[in-house]
């Protein structure tokens, strides 16, 4: 199992902890951010292929910000694929 601790940029969330096994997202935990939204995103992404989470979440913006917690999660997952 791979574990990644990622410091997002430009969001209310200060940390994203991700566990991935065999290309499948097993667990995601956001530190800070909007609790309902980050818990919802984490719950929906659990059990999905990393590539599918990236495809669905990359580029999502939060209000007038150029990024969002879902977008930062996608970027974190991209770093695992490199």
PDB file of N, CA and C in Angstrom:
ATOM      1  N   UNK A   1       0.853  -1.170   0.000  1.00  0.00           N
ATOM      2  CA  UNK A   1       0.000   0.000   0.000  1.00  0.00           C
ATOM      3  C   UNK A   1       0.900   1.235   0.000  1.00  0.00           C
ATOM      4  N   UNK A   2       0.596   2.162  -0.909  1.00  0.00           N
ATOM      5  CA  UNK A   2       1.315   3.433  -0.962  1.00  0.00           C
ATOM      6  C   UNK A   2       0.560   4.452  -0.120  1.00  0.00           C
ATOM      7  N   UNK A   3       1.305   5.254   0.623  1.00  0.00           N
ATOM      8  CA  UNK A   3       0.708   6.343   1.403  1.00  0.00           C
ATOM      9  C   UNK A   3       1.362   7.643   0.971  1.00  0.00           C
ATOM     10  N   UNK A   4       0.540   8.621   0.685  1.00  0.00           N
ATOM     11  CA  UNK A   4       1.020   9.931   0.276  1.00  0.00           C
ATOM     12  C   UNK A   4       0.431  10.980   1.201  1.00  0.00           C
ATOM     13  N   UNK A   5       1.284  11.859   1.699  1.00  0.00           N
ATOM     14  CA  UNK A   5       0.831  13.017   2.460  1.00  0.00           C
ATOM     15  C   UNK A   5       1.161  14.226   1.602  1.00  0.00           C
ATOM     16  N   UNK A   6       0.122  14.944   1.190  1.00  0.00           N
ATOM     17  CA  UNK A   6       0.246  16.014   0.200  1.00  0.00           C
ATOM     18  C   UNK A   6      -0.205  17.333   0.813  1.00  0.00           C
ATOM     19  N   UNK A   7       0.583  18.378   0.603  1.00  0.00           N
ATOM     20  CA  UNK A   7       0.233  19.720   1.073  1.00  0.00           C
ATOM     21  C   UNK A   7      -0.386  20.498  -0.087  1.00  0.00           C
ATOM     22  N   UNK A   8      -1.704  20.635  -0.112  1.00  0.00           N
ATOM     23  CA  UNK A   8      -2.357  21.335  -1.219  1.00  0.00           C
ATOM     24  C   UNK A   8      -2.015  22.830  -1.232  1.00  0.00           C
ATOM     25  N   UNK A   9      -2.117  23.402  -2.385  1.00  0.00           N
ATOM     26  CA  UNK A   9      -1.829  24.828  -2.575  1.00  0.00           C
ATOM     27  C   UNK A   9      -3.099  25.551  -3.004  1.00  0.00           C
ATOM     28  N   UNK A  10      -3.382  26.697  -2.381  1.00  0.00           N
ATOM     29  CA  UNK A  10      -4.498  27.536  -2.822  1.00  0.00           C
ATOM     30  C   UNK A  10      -5.865  27.084  -2.362  1.00  0.00           C
ATOM     31  N   UNK A  11      -5.930  26.238  -1.327  1.00  0.00           N
ATOM     32  CA  UNK A  11      -7.221  25.770  -0.822  1.00  0.00           C
ATOM     33  C   UNK A  11      -7.284  25.953   0.694  1.00  0.00           C
ATOM     34  N   UNK A  12      -8.465  25.777   1.246  1.00  0.00           N
ATOM     35  CA  UNK A  12      -8.652  25.846   2.703  1.00  0.00           C
ATOM     36  C   UNK A  12      -8.074  24.615   3.384  1.00  0.00           C
ATOM     37  N   UNK A  13      -8.016  23.515   2.674  1.00  0.00           N
ATOM     38  CA  UNK A  13      -7.434  22.286   3.205  1.00  0.00           C
ATOM     39  C   UNK A  13      -5.922  22.462   3.333  1.00  0.00           C
ATOM     40  N   UNK A  14      -5.353  21.972   4.438  1.00  0.00           N
ATOM     41  CA  UNK A  14      -3.912  22.139   4.648  1.00  0.00           C
ATOM     42  C   UNK A  14      -3.121  20.859   4.394  1.00  0.00           C
ATOM     43  N   UNK A  15      -3.808  19.715   4.308  1.00  0.00           N
ATOM     44  CA  UNK A  15      -3.125  18.448   4.100  1.00  0.00           C
ATOM     45  C   UNK A  15      -4.115  17.427   3.545  1.00  0.00           C
ATOM     46  N   UNK A  16      -3.617  16.578   2.647  1.00  0.00           N
ATOM     47  CA  UNK A  16      -4.409  15.457   2.146  1.00  0.00           C
ATOM     48  C   UNK A  16      -3.571  14.199   2.336  1.00  0.00           C
ATOM     49  N   UNK A  17      -4.127  13.227   3.043  1.00  0.00           N
ATOM     50  CA  UNK A  17      -3.453  11.952   3.241  1.00  0.00           C
ATOM     51  C   UNK A  17      -4.207  10.903   2.422  1.00  0.00           C
ATOM     52  N   UNK A  18      -3.464  10.199   1.576  1.00  0.00           N
ATOM     53  CA  UNK A  18      -4.073   9.269   0.622  1.00  0.00           C
ATOM     54  C   UNK A  18      -3.397   7.909   0.742  1.00  0.00           C
ATOM     55  N   UNK A  19      -4.206   6.860   0.713  1.00  0.00           N
ATOM     56  CA  UNK A  19      -3.684   5.495   0.650  1.00  0.00           C
ATOM     57  C   UNK A  19      -4.205   4.848  -0.628  1.00  0.00           C
ATOM     58  N   UNK A  20      -3.274   4.252  -1.383  1.00  0.00           N
ATOM     59  CA  UNK A  20      -3.595   3.617  -2.656  1.00  0.00           C
ATOM     60  C   UNK A  20      -2.976   2.225  -2.678  1.00  0.00           C
ATOM     61  N   UNK A  21      -3.738   1.256  -3.161  1.00  0.00           N
ATOM     62  CA  UNK A  21      -3.209  -0.101  -3.315  1.00  0.00           C
ATOM     63  C   UNK A  21      -3.611  -0.624  -4.691  1.00  0.00           C
ATOM     64  N   UNK A  22      -2.619  -1.050  -5.444  1.00  0.00           N
ATOM     65  CA  UNK A  22      -2.844  -1.622  -6.776  1.00  0.00           C
ATOM     66  C   UNK A  22      -3.668  -0.695  -7.674  1.00  0.00           C
ATOM     67  N   UNK A  23      -3.382   0.605  -7.597  1.00  0.00           N
ATOM     68  CA  UNK A  23      -4.051   1.570  -8.463  1.00  0.00           C
ATOM     69  C   UNK A  23      -5.457   1.951  -8.026  1.00  0.00           C
ATOM     70  N   UNK A  24      -5.876   1.489  -6.844  1.00  0.00           N
ATOM     71  CA  UNK A  24      -7.213   1.786  -6.319  1.00  0.00           C
ATOM     72  C   UNK A  24      -7.071   2.652  -5.077  1.00  0.00           C
ATOM     73  N   UNK A  25      -7.850   3.719  -5.008  1.00  0.00           N
ATOM     74  CA  UNK A  25      -7.858   4.585  -3.830  1.00  0.00           C
ATOM     75  C   UNK A  25      -8.535   3.831  -2.690  1.00  0.00           C
ATOM     76  N   UNK A  26      -7.833   3.696  -1.580  1.00  0.00           N
ATOM     77  CA  UNK A  26      -8.369   2.983  -0.417  1.00  0.00           C
ATOM     78  C   UNK A  26      -8.905   3.943   0.637  1.00  0.00           C
ATOM     79  N   UNK A  27      -8.207   5.053   0.847  1.00  0.00           N
ATOM     80  CA  UNK A  27      -8.609   5.987   1.890  1.00  0.00           C
ATOM     81  C   UNK A  27      -8.065   7.376   1.579  1.00  0.00           C
ATOM     82  N   UNK A  28      -8.866   8.385   1.893  1.00  0.00           N
ATOM     83  CA  UNK A  28      -8.445   9.782   1.746  1.00  0.00           C
ATOM     84  C   UNK A  28      -8.900  10.521   2.990  1.00  0.00           C
ATOM     85  N   UNK A  29      -8.011  11.342   3.541  1.00  0.00           N
ATOM     86  CA  UNK A  29      -8.369  12.184   4.681  1.00  0.00           C
ATOM     87  C   UNK A  29      -7.852  13.593   4.430  1.00  0.00           C
ATOM     88  N   UNK A  30      -8.751  14.553   4.464  1.00  0.00           N
ATOM     89  CA  UNK A  30      -8.393  15.960   4.337  1.00  0.00           C
ATOM     90  C   UNK A  30      -8.244  16.551   5.733  1.00  0.00           C
ATOM     91  N   UNK A  31      -7.257  17.404   5.920  1.00  0.00           N
ATOM     92  CA  UNK A  31      -7.112  18.174   7.145  1.00  0.00           C
ATOM     93  C   UNK A  31      -7.558  19.595   6.818  1.00  0.00           C
ATOM     94  N   UNK A  32      -8.498  20.095   7.582  1.00  0.00           N
ATOM     95  CA  UNK A  32      -9.097  21.419   7.361  1.00  0.00           C
ATOM     96  C   UNK A  32      -9.965  21.394   6.097  1.00  0.00           C
ATOM     97  N   UNK A  33     -10.350  22.545   5.627  1.00  0.00           N
ATOM     98  CA  UNK A  33     -11.254  22.613   4.483  1.00  0.00           C
ATOM     99  C   UNK A  33     -12.703  22.532   4.936  1.00  0.00           C
ATOM    100  N   UNK A  34     -13.619  22.453   4.004  1.00  0.00           N
ATOM    101  CA  UNK A  34     -15.056  22.354   4.293  1.00  0.00           C
ATOM    102  C   UNK A  34     -15.381  20.903   4.615  1.00  0.00           C
ATOM    103  N   UNK A  35     -15.668  20.585   5.878  1.00  0.00           N
ATOM    104  CA  UNK A  35     -15.794  19.185   6.298  1.00  0.00           C
ATOM    105  C   UNK A  35     -16.769  18.352   5.470  1.00  0.00           C
ATOM    106  N   UNK A  36     -17.943  18.848   5.199  1.00  0.00           N
ATOM    107  CA  UNK A  36     -18.911  18.061   4.436  1.00  0.00           C
ATOM    108  C   UNK A  36     -18.423  17.781   3.026  1.00  0.00           C
ATOM    109  N   UNK A  37     -17.858  18.790   2.390  1.00  0.00           N
ATOM    110  CA  UNK A  37     -17.380  18.615   1.015  1.00  0.00           C
ATOM    111  C   UNK A  37     -16.182  17.676   0.945  1.00  0.00           C
ATOM    112  N   UNK A  38     -15.208  17.872   1.824  1.00  0.00           N
ATOM    113  CA  UNK A  38     -14.011  17.040   1.751  1.00  0.00           C
ATOM    114  C   UNK A  38     -14.318  15.599   2.148  1.00  0.00           C
ATOM    115  N   UNK A  39     -15.190  15.401   3.128  1.00  0.00           N
ATOM    116  CA  UNK A  39     -15.579  14.035   3.494  1.00  0.00           C
ATOM    117  C   UNK A  39     -16.362  13.375   2.358  1.00  0.00           C
ATOM    118  N   UNK A  40     -17.206  14.151   1.704  1.00  0.00           N
ATOM    119  CA  UNK A  40     -17.974  13.617   0.578  1.00  0.00           C
ATOM    120  C   UNK A  40     -17.084  13.208  -0.576  1.00  0.00           C
ATOM    121  N   UNK A  41     -16.139  14.061  -0.934  1.00  0.00           N
ATOM    122  CA  UNK A  41     -15.212  13.743  -2.023  1.00  0.00           C
ATOM    123  C   UNK A  41     -14.398  12.501  -1.663  1.00  0.00           C
ATOM    124  N   UNK A  42     -13.905  12.451  -0.422  1.00  0.00           N
ATOM    125  CA  UNK A  42     -13.104  11.304   0.018  1.00  0.00           C
ATOM    126  C   UNK A  42     -13.913  10.014  -0.043  1.00  0.00           C
ATOM    127  N   UNK A  43     -15.151  10.067   0.386  1.00  0.00           N
ATOM    128  CA  UNK A  43     -16.006   8.879   0.385  1.00  0.00           C
ATOM    129  C   UNK A  43     -16.321   8.422  -1.041  1.00  0.00           C
ATOM    130  N   UNK A  44     -16.614   9.357  -1.922  1.00  0.00           N
ATOM    131  CA  UNK A  44     -16.935   9.001  -3.303  1.00  0.00           C
ATOM    132  C   UNK A  44     -15.729   8.427  -4.047  1.00  0.00           C
ATOM    133  N   UNK A  45     -14.529   8.930  -3.738  1.00  0.00           N
ATOM    134  CA  UNK A  45     -13.326   8.477  -4.449  1.00  0.00           C
ATOM    135  C   UNK A  45     -12.825   7.125  -3.947  1.00  0.00           C
ATOM    136  N   UNK A  46     -13.161   6.762  -2.726  1.00  0.00           N
ATOM    137  CA  UNK A  46     -12.697   5.484  -2.170  1.00  0.00           C
ATOM    138  C   UNK A  46     -13.227   4.328  -3.018  1.00  0.00           C
ATOM    139  N   UNK A  47     -12.325   3.439  -3.380  1.00  0.00           N
ATOM    140  CA  UNK A  47     -12.684   2.288  -4.203  1.00  0.00           C
ATOM    141  C   UNK A  47     -12.546   2.517  -5.701  1.00  0.00           C
ATOM    142  N   UNK A  48     -12.264   3.749  -6.093  1.00  0.00           N
ATOM    143  CA  UNK A  48     -12.120   4.066  -7.520  1.00  0.00           C
ATOM    144  C   UNK A  48     -10.665   3.915  -7.961  1.00  0.00           C
ATOM    145  N   UNK A  49     -10.487   3.694  -9.247  1.00  0.00           N
ATOM    146  CA  UNK A  49      -9.136   3.694  -9.823  1.00  0.00           C
ATOM    147  C   UNK A  49      -8.581   5.111  -9.744  1.00  0.00           C
ATOM    148  N   UNK A  50      -7.298   5.217  -9.483  1.00  0.00           N
ATOM    149  CA  UNK A  50      -6.630   6.510  -9.394  1.00  0.00           C
ATOM    150  C   UNK A  50      -6.871   7.323 -10.657  1.00  0.00           C
ATOM    151  N   UNK A  51      -6.736   6.706 -11.814  1.00  0.00           N
ATOM    152  CA  UNK A  51      -6.898   7.410 -13.094  1.00  0.00           C
ATOM    153  C   UNK A  51      -8.303   7.992 -13.246  1.00  0.00           C
ATOM    154  N   UNK A  52      -9.309   7.293 -12.744  1.00  0.00           N
ATOM    155  CA  UNK A  52     -10.689   7.768 -12.842  1.00  0.00           C
ATOM    156  C   UNK A  52     -10.924   8.952 -11.907  1.00  0.00           C
ATOM    157  N   UNK A  53     -10.358   8.906 -10.715  1.00  0.00           N
ATOM    158  CA  UNK A  53     -10.490  10.037  -9.784  1.00  0.00           C
ATOM    159  C   UNK A  53      -9.849  11.278 -10.410  1.00  0.00           C
ATOM    160  N   UNK A  54      -8.671  11.111 -10.982  1.00  0.00           N
ATOM    161  CA  UNK A  54      -7.984  12.236 -11.634  1.00  0.00           C
ATOM    162  C   UNK A  54      -8.854  12.784 -12.768  1.00  0.00           C
ATOM    163  N   UNK A  55      -9.370  11.906 -13.603  1.00  0.00           N
ATOM    164  CA  UNK A  55     -10.187  12.335 -14.752  1.00  0.00           C
ATOM    165  C   UNK A  55     -11.404  13.138 -14.299  1.00  0.00           C
ATOM    166  N   UNK A  56     -12.029  12.701 -13.235  1.00  0.00           N
ATOM    167  CA  UNK A  56     -13.257  13.356 -12.781  1.00  0.00           C
ATOM    168  C   UNK A  56     -13.019  14.662 -12.026  1.00  0.00           C
ATOM    169  N   UNK A  57     -11.903  14.769 -11.302  1.00  0.00           N
ATOM    170  CA  UNK A  57     -11.720  15.901 -10.395  1.00  0.00           C
ATOM    171  C   UNK A  57     -10.759  16.991 -10.882  1.00  0.00           C
ATOM    172  N   UNK A  58      -9.866  16.638 -11.791  1.00  0.00           N
ATOM    173  CA  UNK A  58      -8.863  17.613 -12.238  1.00  0.00           C
ATOM    174  C   UNK A  58      -9.533  18.803 -12.918  1.00  0.00           C
ATOM    175  N   UNK A  59      -9.130  19.992 -12.486  1.00  0.00           N
ATOM    176  CA  UNK A  59      -9.620  21.224 -13.105  1.00  0.00           C
ATOM    177  C   UNK A  59     -10.825  21.852 -12.419  1.00  0.00           C
ATOM    178  N   UNK A  60     -11.386  21.189 -11.412  1.00  0.00           N
ATOM    179  CA  UNK A  60     -12.517  21.784 -10.681  1.00  0.00           C
ATOM    180  C   UNK A  60     -12.019  22.998  -9.904  1.00  0.00           C
ATOM    181  N   UNK A  61     -12.778  24.071  -9.970  1.00  0.00           N
ATOM    182  CA  UNK A  61     -12.407  25.314  -9.283  1.00  0.00           C
ATOM    183  C   UNK A  61     -13.374  25.581  -8.141  1.00  0.00           C
ATOM    184  N   UNK A  62     -12.896  26.295  -7.140  1.00  0.00           N
ATOM    185  CA  UNK A  62     -13.709  26.690  -5.988  1.00  0.00           C
ATOM    186  C   UNK A  62     -13.911  28.203  -6.046  1.00  0.00           C
ATOM    187  N   UNK A  63     -15.150  28.599  -6.299  1.00  0.00           N
ATOM    188  CA  UNK A  63     -15.485  30.029  -6.406  1.00  0.00           C
ATOM    189  C   UNK A  63     -14.539  30.702  -7.403  1.00  0.00           C
ATOM    190  N   UNK A  64     -13.840  31.743  -6.973  1.00  0.00           N
ATOM    191  CA  UNK A  64     -12.950  32.470  -7.898  1.00  0.00           C
ATOM    192  C   UNK A  64     -11.502  31.998  -7.810  1.00  0.00           C
ATOM    193  N   UNK A  65     -11.259  30.920  -7.078  1.00  0.00           N
ATOM    194  CA  UNK A  65      -9.902  30.371  -6.969  1.00  0.00           C
ATOM    195  C   UNK A  65      -9.581  29.548  -8.214  1.00  0.00           C
ATOM    196  N   UNK A  66      -8.315  29.455  -8.584  1.00  0.00           N
ATOM    197  CA  UNK A  66      -7.947  28.660  -9.759  1.00  0.00           C
ATOM    198  C   UNK A  66      -7.897  27.157  -9.492  1.00  0.00           C
ATOM    199  N   UNK A  67      -8.174  26.741  -8.261  1.00  0.00           N
ATOM    200  CA  UNK A  67      -8.114  25.330  -7.888  1.00  0.00           C
ATOM    201  C   UNK A  67      -9.180  25.041  -6.832  1.00  0.00           C
ATOM    202  N   UNK A  68      -9.199  23.824  -6.320  1.00  0.00           N
ATOM    203  CA  UNK A  68     -10.154  23.418  -5.284  1.00  0.00           C
ATOM    204  C   UNK A  68      -9.578  22.208  -4.557  1.00  0.00           C
ATOM    205  N   UNK A  69     -10.228  21.787  -3.494  1.00  0.00           N
ATOM    206  CA  UNK A  69      -9.786  20.567  -2.803  1.00  0.00           C
ATOM    207  C   UNK A  69      -9.860  19.351  -3.732  1.00  0.00           C
ATOM    208  N   UNK A  70     -10.943  19.171  -4.503  1.00  0.00           N
ATOM    209  CA  UNK A  70     -10.959  18.042  -5.447  1.00  0.00           C
ATOM    210  C   UNK A  70      -9.830  18.119  -6.486  1.00  0.00           C
ATOM    211  N   UNK A  71      -9.566  19.314  -7.007  1.00  0.00           N
ATOM    212  CA  UNK A  71      -8.481  19.490  -7.980  1.00  0.00           C
ATOM    213  C   UNK A  71      -7.134  19.166  -7.344  1.00  0.00           C
ATOM    214  N   UNK A  72      -6.929  19.594  -6.109  1.00  0.00           N
ATOM    215  CA  UNK A  72      -5.674  19.308  -5.421  1.00  0.00           C
ATOM    216  C   UNK A  72      -5.524  17.812  -5.151  1.00  0.00           C
ATOM    217  N   UNK A  73      -6.629  17.134  -4.871  1.00  0.00           N
ATOM    218  CA  UNK A  73      -6.590  15.681  -4.714  1.00  0.00           C
ATOM    219  C   UNK A  73      -6.144  15.035  -6.022  1.00  0.00           C
ATOM    220  N   UNK A  74      -6.687  15.488  -7.138  1.00  0.00           N
ATOM    221  CA  UNK A  74      -6.281  14.958  -8.448  1.00  0.00           C
ATOM    222  C   UNK A  74      -4.792  15.190  -8.690  1.00  0.00           C
ATOM    223  N   UNK A  75      -4.312  16.360  -8.333  1.00  0.00           N
ATOM    224  CA  UNK A  75      -2.884  16.662  -8.526  1.00  0.00           C
ATOM    225  C   UNK A  75      -2.014  15.769  -7.642  1.00  0.00           C
ATOM    226  N   UNK A  76      -2.467  15.538  -6.421  1.00  0.00           N
ATOM    227  CA  UNK A  76      -1.729  14.642  -5.523  1.00  0.00           C
ATOM    228  C   UNK A  76      -1.664  13.235  -6.123  1.00  0.00           C
ATOM    229  N   UNK A  77      -2.792  12.754  -6.615  1.00  0.00           N
ATOM    230  CA  UNK A  77      -2.821  11.423  -7.217  1.00  0.00           C
ATOM    231  C   UNK A  77      -1.955  11.344  -8.471  1.00  0.00           C
ATOM    232  N   UNK A  78      -1.887  12.423  -9.229  1.00  0.00           N
ATOM    233  CA  UNK A  78      -1.006  12.445 -10.405  1.00  0.00           C
ATOM    234  C   UNK A  78       0.437  12.209 -10.000  1.00  0.00           C
ATOM    235  N   UNK A  79       0.836  12.744  -8.855  1.00  0.00           N
ATOM    236  CA  UNK A  79       2.221  12.573  -8.407  1.00  0.00           C
ATOM    237  C   UNK A  79       2.520  11.108  -8.102  1.00  0.00           C
ATOM    238  N   UNK A  80       1.518  10.317  -7.787  1.00  0.00           N
ATOM    239  CA  UNK A  80       1.717   8.884  -7.565  1.00  0.00           C
ATOM    240  C   UNK A  80       1.927   8.135  -8.869  1.00  0.00           C
ATOM    241  N   UNK A  81       1.372   8.664  -9.947  1.00  0.00           N
ATOM    242  CA  UNK A  81       1.476   7.994 -11.254  1.00  0.00           C
ATOM    243  C   UNK A  81       2.803   8.256 -11.945  1.00  0.00           C
ATOM    244  N   UNK A  82       3.508   9.271 -11.490  1.00  0.00           N
ATOM    245  CA  UNK A  82       4.785   9.637 -12.153  1.00  0.00           C
ATOM    246  C   UNK A  82       5.879   8.634 -11.895  1.00  0.00           C
TER     247      UNK A  82
END
